[in-house]
Amino acid sequence: MEEKKVKEYVKERYSKIATNEESSKNCSCCGGEENSIIKQAQAAGYTIEQIKSIPSDAVFGLGCGNPTALAEINSGETVLDLGSGGGIDVFLAANKVGDMGKVIGVDMTSKMVETAIKNARKGGYENVEFKEGEIENLPIEDNSLNLIISNCVINLTPDKLKAYREAYRVLKPDGRILVSDIVTDGEIPTEIRKNFQAWAGCIAGALEKQEYIDTIKKAGFKDVEIVSEHIFTEPNMDERLIGKIISVQIKAYRRLNKETEKCGCGETSETVNDSCNDKLEESKEDRCCESKSVDEPKEDSGCGCGLDNDYPDESVVNNTDKPKIVADADFIKELENYAHSIGIKDVGYAQITPELLIKDKFIQYPNAIVLTMEMGKEIIEASPGPEAQKLNDSAYEKLGTMSYKISDYLREHGYATEVAHPYGGIVKFSQLGRKAGLGWIGQSGLLITPELGPRQKISAIFVSMANLPLKDGNEHSWITDYCEKCGKCIKACPEKALIEKEVCCGEKEVEFIQKLCIGCSEGCTYCIEGCPFDQKEYTHIKERFDKMNAKLKSKMK
């Protein structure tokens, strides 16, 4: 069954539920004998008190558990609900995180998102946000969440590993997940596996219990634990499924503490399984579970050097005491035209969040205009050394000058600004560019965009403008999969600052050793020169990559 068709059917089904075109009473994975929505919600684990504490239209009676009951949600935390539906779990979690916390709901169905937003307004919730998006490509920043919850939704995606890898990406170190889902114990008939309606009801997409656990571990999670489980039954259940469908609630952590870190197969060094032991015997240097001291990940300053430079504000026009906070679409267009006229290639918009800042610095205006400038071929073609470094520094200064000109333009029109110089150490520019929807980050740590590939310098302007046209773009996320298969930037690095390492279970990861990189000391650009995105058009690479994946899928059928 094609993944796209499954998603389309599931999306259509849940859109109808959101708009009351179809009843949810027969969609619940774990509904009881009575058909009422309230009874179904109670059967899934919600109490009457919880149901009464949130907007009634948020309760559809869907799901197979109550993740908020076991997740130990703390005040002030940032929580994400995967497949948020009408918002039931978002609102219950919002009651626990309080005014200092925040809960985000992501759902791939626009009608559900619209319904949830209406429910939030009706309930007066100011600490929640709902976004349309797929759980395999989350519109969420890296390392930004304390907790992820989900209620019988991951079953709805054919690519569960990718969904869990996305969950791992957006969690902070020591962040955790608590998911309710359906697994199987025994073989499920093929005709049920191929049935669209069974997919929408969580049954067809269910993995065998151990396979589900292994999938979570393969995504990188540690301390994976089933905290609750029960066999799912209903009066009219297909007799071939009786005793084979299990509702589970699973907790797991993203661990980065070296003392408690486990090997890639999900086992500790004390309880490592046989396959991991085999790898330990094969190579003492590459063993997957040994404890090593490794360099800290680079602090992205746009060039990969993690510089900590402070640049004085070189804007000519002073900030006004009473800056404007709103701009109309015409002014945004005029601003972009001006930026392009002085040499800026791309303009994007993003909101600054703590994980994007390199150091503890107060940013008065959390809204950012992100700017990119093309890195000239002369820099790429220059061999590492003083001349290359001179060209590199000149490019940073050129973008800095353009950034101050745009800052003056904004100030002249009544807005207050603060410039993040491209050679400074205030913000992680590559991550900021990705958040602005300009592109995606490759294995080299550099931003890859459709227009320039990895060949660009990045700066930002923090501005008082509160209604920037933010874009949660993740259409470039396929670059991650492409880069994992490519690895040319790793091979091109003369100083071996990029190292591809094999971990347990056949997975690979790339480690960046900051002290070995000579990019900002000698103007080295070999990782850029070796990147296919610098040599060929973005669309050409995307088309070939899609064709290759299509061929692989057809061979697997």
Protein backbone atom coordinates (compact mmCIF):
# COMPACT_ATOMS: atom_id res chain seq x y z
CA MET A 1 0.00 0.00 0.00
CA GLU A 2 1.51 3.33 -1.03
CA GLU A 3 2.44 5.64 1.82
CA LYS A 4 0.94 8.68 0.07
CA LYS A 5 -2.44 6.98 -0.42
CA VAL A 6 -2.52 5.90 3.22
CA LYS A 7 -1.88 9.48 4.37
CA GLU A 8 -4.50 10.88 2.02
CA TYR A 9 -7.14 8.46 3.28
CA VAL A 10 -6.31 9.07 6.95
CA LYS A 11 -6.30 12.83 6.40
CA GLU A 12 -9.68 12.72 4.66
CA ARG A 13 -11.16 10.53 7.39
CA TYR A 14 -10.05 12.77 10.23
CA SER A 15 -11.04 15.93 8.35
CA LYS A 16 -14.59 14.60 8.24
CA ILE A 17 -14.47 13.88 11.97
CA ALA A 18 -13.24 17.43 12.65
CA THR A 19 -16.15 18.91 10.71
CA ASN A 20 -18.70 16.43 12.10
CA GLU A 21 -19.29 14.95 8.65
CA GLU A 22 -18.46 11.58 10.15
CA SER A 23 -18.85 10.28 13.67
CA SER A 24 -15.75 9.54 15.71
CA LYS A 25 -17.45 6.80 17.66
CA ASN A 26 -16.25 4.11 15.26
CA CYS A 27 -12.76 5.57 14.80
CA SER A 28 -11.44 5.12 18.29
CA CYS A 29 -8.80 2.48 18.67
CA CYS A 30 -10.05 1.59 22.07
CA GLY A 31 -13.70 2.50 22.29
CA GLY A 32 -15.92 0.61 24.70
CA GLU A 33 -19.32 -0.97 24.21
CA GLU A 34 -21.22 2.30 24.49
CA ASN A 35 -21.04 4.57 21.49
CA SER A 36 -21.05 7.92 23.28
CA ILE A 37 -17.95 10.03 22.88
CA ILE A 38 -17.68 10.55 26.63
CA LYS A 39 -17.73 6.82 27.27
CA GLN A 40 -15.08 6.29 24.60
CA ALA A 41 -12.88 8.94 26.23
CA GLN A 42 -13.34 7.28 29.61
CA ALA A 43 -12.48 3.91 28.09
CA ALA A 44 -9.24 5.41 26.80
CA GLY A 45 -8.30 6.54 30.31
CA TYR A 46 -9.67 10.07 30.74
CA THR A 47 -11.58 10.94 33.91
CA ILE A 48 -14.84 12.86 33.99
CA GLU A 49 -13.02 15.64 35.87
CA GLN A 50 -10.46 15.95 33.08
CA ILE A 51 -13.11 15.95 30.37
CA LYS A 52 -15.07 18.69 32.15
CA SER A 53 -11.93 20.82 32.60
CA ILE A 54 -11.45 21.44 28.85
CA PRO A 55 -13.63 22.65 25.94
CA SER A 56 -16.23 19.99 25.11
CA ASP A 57 -15.55 20.24 21.36
CA ALA A 58 -11.98 19.07 21.98
CA VAL A 59 -13.20 15.61 22.96
CA PHE A 60 -13.72 13.23 20.04
CA GLY A 61 -13.33 9.99 21.99
CA LEU A 62 -10.34 9.04 19.83
CA GLY A 63 -7.20 7.28 21.04
CA CYS A 64 -6.07 4.31 23.05
CA GLY A 65 -4.82 5.90 26.25
CA ASN A 66 -4.32 9.07 28.24
CA PRO A 67 -0.64 10.06 27.89
CA THR A 68 -1.06 13.09 30.15
CA ALA A 69 -1.93 10.80 33.06
CA LEU A 70 1.49 9.09 33.14
CA ALA A 71 3.76 11.71 31.62
CA GLU A 72 4.54 13.57 34.89
CA ILE A 73 4.17 16.98 33.24
CA ASN A 74 5.86 19.76 35.20
CA SER A 75 5.12 23.46 35.49
CA GLY A 76 7.07 25.59 33.02
CA GLU A 77 7.84 22.79 30.57
CA THR A 78 7.50 22.92 26.78
CA VAL A 79 5.41 20.00 25.54
CA LEU A 80 4.55 18.73 22.06
CA ASP A 81 1.51 16.60 21.22
CA LEU A 82 1.90 14.54 18.05
CA GLY A 83 -1.44 14.30 16.23
CA SER A 84 -3.22 16.77 18.47
CA GLY A 85 -6.70 16.44 16.91
CA GLY A 86 -9.24 18.66 18.64
CA GLY A 87 -6.72 19.47 21.36
CA ILE A 88 -7.78 17.26 24.28
CA ASP A 89 -4.23 16.30 25.35
CA VAL A 90 -2.85 19.76 24.55
CA PHE A 91 -5.36 21.41 26.89
CA LEU A 92 -4.86 18.85 29.66
CA ALA A 93 -1.09 19.34 29.41
CA ALA A 94 -1.53 23.13 29.29
CA ASN A 95 -3.33 22.98 32.64
CA LYS A 96 -0.20 21.34 34.08
CA VAL A 97 2.59 23.45 32.52
CA GLY A 98 0.90 26.67 33.63
CA ASP A 99 1.51 30.21 32.40
CA MET A 100 5.29 29.76 32.34
CA GLY A 101 5.07 26.69 30.08
CA LYS A 102 3.82 26.02 26.59
CA VAL A 103 2.13 23.16 24.75
CA ILE A 104 2.28 22.76 20.97
CA GLY A 105 -0.06 20.55 19.01
CA VAL A 106 0.88 19.27 15.54
CA ASP A 107 -1.67 17.64 13.25
CA MET A 108 -1.50 16.88 9.52
CA THR A 109 -5.21 17.65 9.07
CA SER A 110 -5.92 21.35 8.52
CA LYS A 111 -9.54 20.96 9.64
CA MET A 112 -8.41 19.48 12.95
CA VAL A 113 -5.96 22.36 13.45
CA GLU A 114 -8.74 24.87 12.76
CA THR A 115 -11.01 23.08 15.21
CA ALA A 116 -8.30 23.01 17.89
CA ILE A 117 -7.58 26.74 17.48
CA LYS A 118 -11.29 27.51 17.93
CA ASN A 119 -11.34 25.34 21.05
CA ALA A 120 -8.30 27.17 22.43
CA ARG A 121 -10.02 30.52 21.96
CA LYS A 122 -13.20 29.21 23.52
CA GLY A 123 -11.27 27.91 26.53
CA GLY A 124 -9.14 31.04 26.89
CA TYR A 125 -5.86 29.15 26.55
CA GLU A 126 -2.89 31.47 25.97
CA ASN A 127 -0.12 28.92 26.52
CA VAL A 128 -0.95 26.67 23.57
CA GLU A 129 -0.17 26.70 19.84
CA PHE A 130 -1.40 24.48 17.02
CA LYS A 131 0.53 23.81 13.81
CA GLU A 132 -0.28 21.90 10.67
CA GLY A 133 2.43 19.39 9.83
CA GLU A 134 3.39 15.75 9.52
CA ILE A 135 5.00 13.92 12.41
CA GLU A 136 7.71 12.63 10.06
CA ASN A 137 8.68 16.25 9.24
CA LEU A 138 7.91 18.28 12.33
CA PRO A 139 7.71 22.08 12.00
CA ILE A 140 9.64 22.33 15.28
CA GLU A 141 13.18 23.48 16.06
CA ASP A 142 15.95 21.15 17.23
CA ASN A 143 16.47 20.63 20.98
CA SER A 144 13.45 22.76 21.94
CA LEU A 145 11.13 20.46 23.94
CA ASN A 146 11.03 18.86 27.37
CA LEU A 147 8.34 16.30 26.60
CA ILE A 148 6.51 14.74 23.66
CA ILE A 149 3.16 13.01 24.09
CA SER A 150 1.03 11.18 21.54
CA ASN A 151 -2.20 9.23 21.63
CA CYS A 152 -2.57 6.45 19.06
CA VAL A 153 -1.20 8.55 16.20
CA ILE A 154 2.24 7.19 15.34
CA ASN A 155 0.43 4.04 14.14
CA LEU A 156 -1.11 6.15 11.39
CA THR A 157 2.23 6.77 9.68
CA PRO A 158 3.79 4.04 7.54
CA ASP A 159 7.29 5.35 8.45
CA LYS A 160 7.41 5.11 12.22
CA LEU A 161 11.21 5.20 12.42
CA LYS A 162 11.30 8.57 10.71
CA ALA A 163 8.62 9.87 13.08
CA TYR A 164 10.62 8.79 16.13
CA ARG A 165 13.82 10.24 14.68
CA GLU A 166 12.01 13.55 14.30
CA ALA A 167 10.82 13.28 17.90
CA TYR A 168 14.42 12.67 18.98
CA ARG A 169 15.63 15.69 16.98
CA VAL A 170 13.29 18.20 18.59
CA LEU A 171 13.74 17.02 22.19
CA LYS A 172 16.24 18.65 24.51
CA PRO A 173 18.94 16.45 26.11
CA ASP A 174 17.23 14.33 28.79
CA GLY A 175 13.89 15.16 27.20
CA ARG A 176 11.34 12.35 27.21
CA ILE A 177 8.42 10.86 25.32
CA LEU A 178 5.25 9.27 26.65
CA VAL A 179 3.16 7.74 23.89
CA SER A 180 0.00 5.68 23.85
CA ASP A 181 -0.21 3.39 20.85
CA ILE A 182 -1.38 0.06 19.45
CA VAL A 183 0.96 -2.90 18.94
CA THR A 184 0.31 -6.51 17.98
CA ASP A 185 1.06 -9.92 19.42
CA GLY A 186 0.78 -12.39 16.59
CA GLU A 187 0.22 -12.23 12.84
CA ILE A 188 -2.33 -9.82 11.38
CA PRO A 189 -4.06 -10.98 8.15
CA THR A 190 -2.71 -9.36 4.99
CA GLU A 191 -6.13 -8.17 3.84
CA ILE A 192 -6.46 -6.16 7.04
CA ARG A 193 -2.97 -4.70 6.62
CA LYS A 194 -3.98 -3.48 3.16
CA ASN A 195 -7.30 -2.01 4.26
CA PHE A 196 -7.47 1.81 4.31
CA GLN A 197 -10.19 1.86 6.96
CA ALA A 198 -8.06 -0.35 9.20
CA TRP A 199 -5.19 2.13 8.80
CA ALA A 200 -7.43 5.00 9.89
CA GLY A 201 -8.50 2.92 12.89
CA CYS A 202 -4.89 2.28 13.97
CA ILE A 203 -5.03 -1.50 13.40
CA ALA A 204 -3.43 -2.03 9.99
CA GLY A 205 -0.38 0.08 10.79
CA ALA A 206 0.34 -1.61 14.13
CA LEU A 207 3.80 -3.12 14.54
CA GLU A 208 4.58 -6.24 16.57
CA LYS A 209 5.34 -5.15 20.13
CA GLN A 210 9.07 -5.91 20.13
CA GLU A 211 9.50 -4.38 16.67
CA TYR A 212 7.83 -1.21 17.92
CA ILE A 213 10.20 -1.05 20.90
CA ASP A 214 13.21 -1.69 18.63
CA THR A 215 12.08 1.12 16.33
CA ILE A 216 12.13 3.59 19.22
CA LYS A 217 15.60 2.41 20.23
CA LYS A 218 16.88 2.61 16.67
CA ALA A 219 15.79 6.25 16.56
CA GLY A 220 18.24 6.88 19.40
CA PHE A 221 16.02 6.76 22.50
CA LYS A 222 17.22 5.18 25.74
CA ASP A 223 15.53 3.67 28.79
CA VAL A 224 12.60 2.55 26.66
CA GLU A 225 9.94 1.19 29.00
CA ILE A 226 6.36 -0.05 28.67
CA VAL A 227 4.64 1.57 31.65
CA SER A 228 1.17 0.21 30.95
CA GLU A 229 -0.51 -2.24 28.57
CA HIS A 230 -3.77 -4.06 28.08
CA ILE A 231 -5.34 -6.24 25.42
CA PHE A 232 -7.82 -4.33 23.26
CA THR A 233 -11.25 -5.86 22.71
CA GLU A 234 -14.59 -4.66 21.41
CA PRO A 235 -17.97 -6.40 20.81
CA ASN A 236 -17.78 -6.54 17.02
CA MET A 237 -14.08 -7.20 16.75
CA ASP A 238 -12.85 -9.39 13.88
CA GLU A 239 -12.25 -12.79 15.48
CA ARG A 240 -8.88 -12.98 13.71
CA LEU A 241 -7.70 -10.06 15.82
CA ILE A 242 -8.92 -11.22 19.23
CA GLY A 243 -6.05 -11.30 21.72
CA LYS A 244 -3.60 -9.87 19.16
CA ILE A 245 -4.16 -6.13 19.57
CA ILE A 246 -2.51 -4.48 22.57
CA SER A 247 -2.76 -0.91 23.81
CA VAL A 248 0.58 0.22 25.30
CA GLN A 249 1.93 3.34 26.94
CA ILE A 250 5.67 3.73 26.44
CA LYS A 251 8.17 6.07 28.05
CA ALA A 252 11.67 6.77 26.69
CA TYR A 253 14.41 9.39 27.01
CA ARG A 254 16.89 11.25 24.86
CA ARG A 255 20.05 10.73 26.92
CA LEU A 256 23.29 12.63 26.36
CA ASN A 257 24.96 12.01 29.70
CA LYS A 258 28.10 10.01 28.88
CA GLU A 259 27.86 8.01 32.09
CA THR A 260 24.39 6.74 31.25
CA GLU A 261 24.66 6.76 27.46
CA LYS A 262 23.83 3.46 25.83
CA CYS A 263 25.00 1.94 22.63
CA GLY A 264 23.07 2.39 19.38
CA CYS A 265 21.18 -0.86 19.78
CA GLY A 266 19.47 0.52 22.87
CA GLU A 267 21.30 -1.57 25.48
CA THR A 268 23.70 -0.40 28.17
CA SER A 269 27.31 -1.51 28.18
CA GLU A 270 26.43 -3.87 31.04
CA THR A 271 23.48 -5.52 29.31
CA VAL A 272 24.59 -5.19 25.71
CA ASN A 273 23.15 -7.85 23.42
CA ASP A 274 25.05 -10.45 21.43
CA SER A 275 25.13 -8.51 18.16
CA CYS A 276 26.65 -5.55 19.94
CA ASN A 277 29.15 -7.81 21.72
CA ASP A 278 30.22 -9.15 18.33
CA LYS A 279 31.01 -5.62 17.22
CA LEU A 280 32.94 -4.99 20.39
CA GLU A 281 35.15 -7.98 19.65
CA GLU A 282 35.60 -7.03 16.00
CA SER A 283 37.14 -3.63 16.68
CA LYS A 284 38.35 -2.02 19.88
CA GLU A 285 38.81 1.32 18.16
CA ASP A 286 35.31 1.46 16.65
CA ARG A 287 33.44 -0.40 19.36
CA CYS A 288 29.93 0.92 19.78
CA CYS A 289 29.69 1.01 23.56
CA GLU A 290 33.07 2.24 24.77
CA SER A 291 33.24 5.43 26.76
CA LYS A 292 35.25 8.12 24.97
CA SER A 293 35.85 11.77 25.59
CA VAL A 294 34.59 13.61 22.52
CA ASP A 295 34.62 17.23 21.47
CA GLU A 296 31.51 19.18 22.16
CA PRO A 297 29.31 19.86 19.12
CA LYS A 298 30.19 23.02 17.30
CA GLU A 299 28.42 26.22 18.17
CA ASP A 300 27.19 27.34 14.79
CA SER A 301 28.19 30.93 14.03
CA GLY A 302 27.52 30.65 10.33
CA CYS A 303 31.03 29.60 9.41
CA GLY A 304 31.27 26.59 11.69
CA CYS A 305 33.84 28.14 14.02
CA GLY A 306 31.81 29.10 17.04
CA LEU A 307 33.38 32.54 17.29
CA ASP A 308 32.52 34.72 20.26
CA ASN A 309 32.94 38.16 18.72
CA ASP A 310 31.02 41.26 19.70
CA TYR A 311 30.48 43.78 16.93
CA PRO A 312 29.52 47.40 17.65
CA ASP A 313 26.29 48.60 16.05
CA GLU A 314 27.33 50.37 12.85
CA SER A 315 23.82 51.46 11.88
CA VAL A 316 23.80 55.16 11.03
CA VAL A 317 20.19 55.84 12.04
CA ASN A 318 19.32 55.64 15.75
CA ASN A 319 16.48 53.53 17.11
CA THR A 320 13.29 55.40 17.94
CA ASP A 321 11.97 55.44 21.51
CA LYS A 322 8.54 54.29 20.35
CA PRO A 323 9.13 51.78 17.55
CA LYS A 324 6.45 50.38 15.28
CA ILE A 325 5.47 46.77 15.84
CA VAL A 326 3.26 46.07 12.82
CA ALA A 327 4.02 46.16 9.09
CA ASP A 328 1.70 45.64 6.14
CA ALA A 329 2.42 43.30 3.25
CA ASP A 330 3.41 46.18 0.96
CA PHE A 331 6.18 47.29 3.31
CA ILE A 332 7.48 43.73 3.65
CA LYS A 333 7.67 43.53 -0.14
CA GLU A 334 9.44 46.90 -0.33
CA LEU A 335 11.92 45.74 2.31
CA GLU A 336 12.69 42.57 0.38
CA ASN A 337 13.12 44.50 -2.87
CA TYR A 338 15.55 46.86 -1.16
CA ALA A 339 17.53 43.95 0.31
CA HIS A 340 17.80 42.28 -3.08
CA SER A 341 18.85 45.56 -4.72
CA ILE A 342 21.95 45.85 -2.51
CA GLY A 343 23.06 42.23 -2.94
CA ILE A 344 21.05 40.06 -0.53
CA LYS A 345 20.08 36.74 -2.12
CA ASP A 346 17.37 35.39 0.21
CA VAL A 347 15.25 36.93 2.95
CA GLY A 348 13.51 34.80 5.56
CA TYR A 349 11.74 35.35 8.86
CA ALA A 350 11.93 33.49 12.14
CA GLN A 351 11.30 33.85 15.83
CA ILE A 352 14.31 33.61 18.13
CA THR A 353 14.10 30.87 20.75
CA PRO A 354 16.71 30.18 23.48
CA GLU A 355 18.31 27.20 21.73
CA LEU A 356 19.24 29.43 18.76
CA LEU A 357 21.41 31.70 20.90
CA ILE A 358 25.10 30.83 21.26
CA LYS A 359 25.64 32.68 24.50
CA ASP A 360 23.56 34.12 27.29
CA LYS A 361 22.71 37.49 25.76
CA PHE A 362 19.58 39.55 26.12
CA ILE A 363 17.75 40.00 22.80
CA GLN A 364 15.18 42.78 23.08
CA TYR A 365 13.33 41.83 19.89
CA PRO A 366 12.77 38.07 19.40
CA ASN A 367 11.68 38.41 15.77
CA ALA A 368 14.43 38.03 13.19
CA ILE A 369 14.87 38.92 9.54
CA VAL A 370 17.33 36.37 8.15
CA LEU A 371 19.59 37.39 5.26
CA THR A 372 21.84 35.37 2.96
CA MET A 373 24.55 36.51 0.56
CA GLU A 374 26.23 34.45 -2.12
CA MET A 375 29.77 33.33 -1.35
CA GLY A 376 31.82 34.09 -4.45
CA LYS A 377 33.49 31.36 -6.48
CA GLU A 378 36.87 32.99 -5.83
CA ILE A 379 36.58 31.94 -2.19
CA ILE A 380 35.68 28.37 -3.10
CA GLU A 381 38.51 28.09 -5.61
CA ALA A 382 41.17 29.55 -3.28
CA SER A 383 43.42 27.06 -1.49
CA PRO A 384 43.41 27.29 2.32
CA GLY A 385 45.82 29.95 3.56
CA PRO A 386 46.18 33.70 4.20
CA GLU A 387 44.72 34.76 0.83
CA ALA A 388 41.69 32.51 1.24
CA GLN A 389 41.16 33.79 4.76
CA LYS A 390 41.37 37.38 3.52
CA LEU A 391 38.67 36.68 0.94
CA ASN A 392 36.56 34.93 3.57
CA ASP A 393 36.82 37.82 6.03
CA SER A 394 35.99 40.28 3.26
CA ALA A 395 32.77 38.40 2.48
CA TYR A 396 31.69 38.53 6.11
CA GLU A 397 32.38 42.26 6.27
CA LYS A 398 30.45 42.82 3.03
CA LEU A 399 27.37 41.05 4.41
CA GLY A 400 27.78 42.93 7.68
CA THR A 401 27.73 46.24 5.81
CA MET A 402 24.60 45.24 3.89
CA SER A 403 22.92 44.17 7.14
CA TYR A 404 23.55 47.60 8.69
CA LYS A 405 22.11 49.29 5.59
CA ILE A 406 18.93 47.24 5.93
CA SER A 407 18.88 48.06 9.63
CA ASP A 408 18.99 51.78 8.76
CA TYR A 409 16.20 51.26 6.22
CA LEU A 410 14.01 49.73 8.93
CA ARG A 411 14.85 52.42 11.46
CA GLU A 412 14.06 55.14 8.94
CA HIS A 413 10.58 53.65 8.66
CA GLY A 414 10.02 53.64 12.42
CA TYR A 415 11.13 50.15 13.47
CA ALA A 416 13.75 49.33 16.09
CA THR A 417 16.53 46.88 15.22
CA GLU A 418 19.60 45.05 16.48
CA VAL A 419 22.03 43.51 13.98
CA ALA A 420 23.56 40.06 14.44
CA HIS A 421 26.80 40.44 12.48
CA PRO A 422 27.60 37.35 10.35
CA TYR A 423 31.03 37.02 11.96
CA GLY A 424 29.66 37.39 15.46
CA GLY A 425 28.81 34.79 18.06
CA ILE A 426 25.26 35.70 19.06
CA VAL A 427 23.07 33.27 17.15
CA LYS A 428 23.37 29.91 15.36
CA PHE A 429 22.91 31.13 11.82
CA SER A 430 22.47 27.79 10.04
CA GLN A 431 19.72 26.73 12.43
CA LEU A 432 18.13 30.16 12.15
CA GLY A 433 18.16 29.89 8.35
CA ARG A 434 16.47 26.51 8.54
CA LYS A 435 13.84 27.82 10.94
CA ALA A 436 13.16 30.66 8.51
CA GLY A 437 12.40 28.05 5.83
CA LEU A 438 15.35 29.07 3.63
CA GLY A 439 16.83 25.57 3.47
CA TRP A 440 18.10 22.64 5.53
CA ILE A 441 21.32 21.79 7.37
CA GLY A 442 23.66 19.26 5.76
CA GLN A 443 26.15 16.95 7.46
CA SER A 444 28.79 19.68 7.28
CA GLY A 445 26.63 21.83 9.54
CA LEU A 446 26.14 24.39 6.76
CA LEU A 447 22.77 25.63 5.55
CA ILE A 448 21.85 24.25 2.11
CA THR A 449 19.39 26.34 0.11
CA PRO A 450 17.76 25.86 -3.31
CA GLU A 451 19.39 28.98 -4.71
CA LEU A 452 22.96 28.67 -3.42
CA GLY A 453 23.42 25.18 -2.03
CA PRO A 454 25.92 25.49 0.88
CA ARG A 455 27.67 28.53 -0.68
CA GLN A 456 26.35 31.46 1.38
CA LYS A 457 27.01 33.73 4.31
CA ILE A 458 24.17 34.38 6.76
CA SER A 459 23.28 37.32 9.01
CA ALA A 460 20.19 38.44 10.90
CA ILE A 461 18.44 41.55 12.09
CA PHE A 462 16.37 41.41 15.28
CA VAL A 463 13.43 43.76 14.78
CA SER A 464 10.49 45.22 16.70
CA MET A 465 8.15 44.09 13.91
CA ALA A 466 5.88 41.53 15.60
CA ASN A 467 3.92 40.34 12.56
CA LEU A 468 6.72 39.04 10.38
CA PRO A 469 5.50 36.48 7.79
CA LEU A 470 6.94 33.47 9.63
CA LYS A 471 7.25 30.24 7.71
CA ASP A 472 7.48 26.83 9.31
CA GLY A 473 9.02 25.35 6.20
CA ASN A 474 10.14 21.74 6.24
CA GLU A 475 9.94 21.02 2.52
CA HIS A 476 13.74 20.82 2.47
CA SER A 477 13.96 18.11 5.16
CA TRP A 478 14.67 15.42 2.53
CA ILE A 479 18.21 16.80 2.47
CA THR A 480 18.92 14.91 5.70
CA ASP A 481 18.29 11.55 4.01
CA TYR A 482 20.26 12.61 0.93
CA CYS A 483 23.28 13.72 2.98
CA GLU A 484 23.32 10.45 4.91
CA LYS A 485 23.71 8.59 1.62
CA CYS A 486 26.18 11.09 0.12
CA GLY A 487 28.95 11.92 2.61
CA LYS A 488 31.12 13.76 0.06
CA CYS A 489 31.74 16.66 2.44
CA ILE A 490 33.18 14.18 4.94
CA LYS A 491 35.59 12.76 2.39
CA ALA A 492 36.57 16.25 1.18
CA CYS A 493 37.66 17.56 4.60
CA PRO A 494 41.51 17.63 4.59
CA GLU A 495 41.75 17.95 8.36
CA LYS A 496 39.26 15.13 9.12
CA ALA A 497 37.13 17.51 11.14
CA LEU A 498 34.05 15.61 9.92
CA ILE A 499 34.12 11.97 10.97
CA GLU A 500 31.52 9.39 10.01
CA LYS A 501 31.25 6.75 12.71
CA GLU A 502 29.31 3.51 12.73
CA VAL A 503 27.26 2.81 15.82
CA CYS A 504 25.29 -0.26 16.74
CA CYS A 505 22.55 -1.74 14.59
CA GLY A 506 24.12 -0.56 11.34
CA GLU A 507 23.43 3.13 11.96
CA LYS A 508 25.95 5.89 11.24
CA GLU A 509 26.47 9.32 12.70
CA VAL A 510 28.70 12.27 11.83
CA GLU A 511 30.83 13.93 14.49
CA PHE A 512 32.24 17.42 13.99
CA ILE A 513 35.57 18.06 15.76
CA GLN A 514 35.65 21.82 16.05
CA LYS A 515 39.33 22.24 16.90
CA LEU A 516 40.36 20.50 13.66
CA CYS A 517 38.35 22.76 11.33
CA ILE A 518 40.46 25.41 9.57
CA GLY A 519 37.53 27.12 7.89
CA CYS A 520 37.77 30.37 9.84
CA SER A 521 41.52 30.35 10.41
CA GLU A 522 42.61 29.58 6.83
CA GLY A 523 39.45 30.10 4.76
CA CYS A 524 39.08 26.39 3.98
CA THR A 525 35.99 25.57 1.87
CA TYR A 526 36.65 22.00 0.72
CA CYS A 527 33.40 20.74 2.31
CA ILE A 528 31.49 23.27 0.19
CA GLU A 529 33.41 22.50 -2.98
CA GLY A 530 32.80 18.77 -2.55
CA CYS A 531 29.06 19.15 -1.94
CA PRO A 532 26.83 18.11 -4.89
CA PHE A 533 24.51 21.03 -4.07
CA ASP A 534 27.32 23.42 -4.97
CA GLN A 535 27.86 21.69 -8.31
CA LYS A 536 24.32 20.98 -9.49
CA GLU A 537 20.92 22.56 -9.17
CA TYR A 538 18.78 21.77 -6.14
CA THR A 539 15.83 20.64 -8.29
CA HIS A 540 18.06 18.33 -10.36
CA ILE A 541 19.37 16.60 -7.23
CA LYS A 542 15.87 16.35 -5.75
CA GLU A 543 14.45 14.77 -8.91
CA ARG A 544 17.25 12.19 -9.12
CA PHE A 545 16.96 11.40 -5.41
CA ASP A 546 13.19 10.90 -5.70
CA LYS A 547 13.65 8.61 -8.70
CA MET A 548 16.25 6.56 -6.87
CA ASN A 549 13.96 6.14 -3.85
CA ALA A 550 11.05 5.20 -6.11
CA LYS A 551 13.13 2.47 -7.74
CA LEU A 552 14.20 1.12 -4.36
CA LYS A 553 10.60 1.02 -3.17
CA SER A 554 9.44 -0.77 -6.32
CA LYS A 555 12.14 -3.41 -5.87
CA MET A 556 11.03 -4.01 -2.28
CA LYS A 557 7.42 -4.75 -3.29
